[in-house]
Amino acid sequence: MHELSMADAIIKTVIDAAEKNNAIEVLEVTIEIGELTLLNPEQIKFILEVLSEDTILEGAKFNIEIIPARIECPCGYNGRITSNDELDHYNPIISCPSCGGGEFKIIDGRECNIKNIKIEKEE
């Protein structure tokens, strides 16, 4: 269950950023998750809500944006490879939809980033 370790790292990073910016409360956090991370967005959101209890993040809104998987293939194809629903969670096998090859560069889809943190500061 790598969702737990990823959610824990997100919580720690947001708390650190909030404290460095003298926040009294975190209102909203936007997270980007790539399709190829194979992280379950619903599980991540649930774990974030649980781990945020009794912290400066308690009650914050967690937004999760899914980043589609995109490749650049030597055959000339540049674009999406598949939807998250089609990826096997345990053994994802991906190939170029144009030539069927497996020798390509992954452009997008492996991200797990904190995109935005909205905080409340003391006035």
Protein backbone atom coordinates (compact mmCIF):
# COMPACT_ATOMS: atom_id res chain seq x y z
CA MET A 1 0.00 0.00 0.00
CA HIS A 2 2.23 2.77 -1.27
CA GLU A 3 -0.66 5.22 -0.97
CA LEU A 4 -0.04 5.47 2.79
CA SER A 5 3.64 6.38 2.46
CA MET A 6 2.90 8.86 -0.34
CA ALA A 7 0.08 10.51 1.64
CA ASP A 8 2.33 10.73 4.70
CA ALA A 9 5.04 12.45 2.66
CA ILE A 10 2.47 14.89 1.24
CA ILE A 11 1.16 15.76 4.71
CA LYS A 12 4.68 16.34 6.06
CA THR A 13 5.62 18.51 3.06
CA VAL A 14 2.47 20.64 3.31
CA ILE A 15 2.89 21.12 7.07
CA ASP A 16 6.51 22.16 6.54
CA ALA A 17 5.54 24.67 3.81
CA ALA A 18 2.66 26.03 5.91
CA GLU A 19 4.88 26.53 8.96
CA LYS A 20 7.57 28.27 6.89
CA ASN A 21 4.90 30.68 5.66
CA ASN A 22 3.47 31.35 9.14
CA ALA A 23 0.12 29.78 8.31
CA ILE A 24 -2.49 29.40 11.02
CA GLU A 25 -4.56 27.05 8.86
CA VAL A 26 -4.32 25.15 5.57
CA LEU A 27 -7.53 25.65 3.61
CA GLU A 28 -6.90 23.71 0.42
CA VAL A 29 -4.27 21.48 -1.16
CA THR A 30 -4.13 20.53 -4.85
CA ILE A 31 -2.16 17.42 -5.76
CA GLU A 32 -1.25 16.15 -9.23
CA ILE A 33 -1.10 12.37 -9.63
CA GLY A 34 0.07 10.77 -12.85
CA GLU A 35 -1.73 7.75 -14.24
CA LEU A 36 1.47 5.71 -14.28
CA THR A 37 2.06 6.12 -10.53
CA LEU A 38 -0.77 3.63 -10.10
CA LEU A 39 -1.81 5.50 -6.97
CA ASN A 40 -5.52 5.23 -6.22
CA PRO A 41 -6.83 8.83 -5.99
CA GLU A 42 -9.75 7.92 -3.70
CA GLN A 43 -7.45 6.08 -1.30
CA ILE A 44 -4.95 8.94 -1.32
CA LYS A 45 -7.70 11.45 -0.55
CA PHE A 46 -9.10 9.32 2.28
CA ILE A 47 -5.66 8.76 3.83
CA LEU A 48 -4.84 12.48 3.56
CA GLU A 49 -8.03 13.32 5.43
CA VAL A 50 -7.24 10.79 8.16
CA LEU A 51 -3.58 11.85 8.52
CA SER A 52 -4.54 15.54 8.63
CA GLU A 53 -6.58 15.10 11.82
CA ASP A 54 -5.19 17.10 14.76
CA THR A 55 -2.81 19.03 12.46
CA ILE A 56 -2.86 22.45 10.80
CA LEU A 57 -4.39 20.63 7.79
CA GLU A 58 -7.46 19.36 9.60
CA GLY A 59 -10.55 20.28 7.58
CA ALA A 60 -8.56 21.26 4.49
CA LYS A 61 -10.02 20.47 1.09
CA PHE A 62 -7.86 18.03 -0.89
CA ASN A 63 -8.14 18.32 -4.68
CA ILE A 64 -6.60 15.62 -6.81
CA GLU A 65 -5.86 16.20 -10.49
CA ILE A 66 -5.04 13.18 -12.64
CA ILE A 67 -2.24 13.71 -15.16
CA PRO A 68 -2.79 11.51 -18.24
CA ALA A 69 0.04 9.27 -19.39
CA ARG A 70 1.76 10.59 -22.54
CA ILE A 71 4.64 9.17 -24.56
CA GLU A 72 6.96 10.17 -27.37
CA CYS A 73 7.79 7.21 -29.61
CA PRO A 74 10.53 6.89 -32.26
CA CYS A 75 7.78 6.01 -34.77
CA GLY A 76 6.63 9.62 -34.50
CA TYR A 77 3.69 9.15 -32.16
CA ASN A 78 3.39 11.77 -29.42
CA GLY A 79 0.34 11.55 -27.19
CA ARG A 80 -1.74 9.57 -24.72
CA ILE A 81 -1.21 5.87 -24.32
CA THR A 82 -4.21 4.64 -22.38
CA SER A 83 -6.66 5.60 -19.70
CA ASN A 84 -6.11 4.75 -16.03
CA ASP A 85 -9.02 2.29 -16.15
CA GLU A 86 -7.13 0.20 -18.71
CA LEU A 87 -3.86 -0.04 -16.76
CA ASP A 88 -3.32 -3.23 -14.79
CA HIS A 89 -2.61 -2.06 -11.25
CA TYR A 90 -0.28 -4.97 -10.51
CA ASN A 91 1.55 -5.34 -13.82
CA PRO A 92 1.06 -2.39 -16.14
CA ILE A 93 2.16 -3.17 -19.67
CA ILE A 94 2.11 -0.17 -21.94
CA SER A 95 2.93 0.16 -25.59
CA CYS A 96 2.73 2.75 -28.33
CA PRO A 97 -0.83 2.86 -29.70
CA SER A 98 0.55 3.63 -33.16
CA CYS A 99 3.27 1.00 -33.70
CA GLY A 100 2.84 -1.30 -30.69
CA GLY A 101 6.47 -0.77 -29.67
CA GLY A 102 7.77 -0.48 -26.15
CA GLU A 103 10.79 1.73 -26.79
CA PHE A 104 9.46 5.21 -26.01
CA LYS A 105 10.02 8.16 -23.72
CA ILE A 106 7.40 8.84 -21.05
CA ILE A 107 6.53 12.54 -21.19
CA ASP A 108 3.78 12.75 -18.55
CA GLY A 109 2.05 10.44 -16.13
CA ARG A 110 4.66 9.63 -13.48
CA GLU A 111 4.09 12.77 -11.40
CA CYS A 112 3.01 13.05 -7.82
CA ASN A 113 3.30 16.73 -7.00
CA ILE A 114 1.82 19.22 -4.62
CA LYS A 115 0.59 21.81 -7.10
CA ASN A 116 -0.91 24.39 -4.78
CA ILE A 117 -1.40 25.07 -1.07
CA LYS A 118 -3.94 27.65 0.05
CA ILE A 119 -3.32 28.90 3.59
CA GLU A 120 -4.77 31.31 6.12
CA LYS A 121 -2.36 33.69 7.80
CA GLU A 122 -2.83 35.66 10.98
CA GLU A 123 -3.68 39.27 10.22
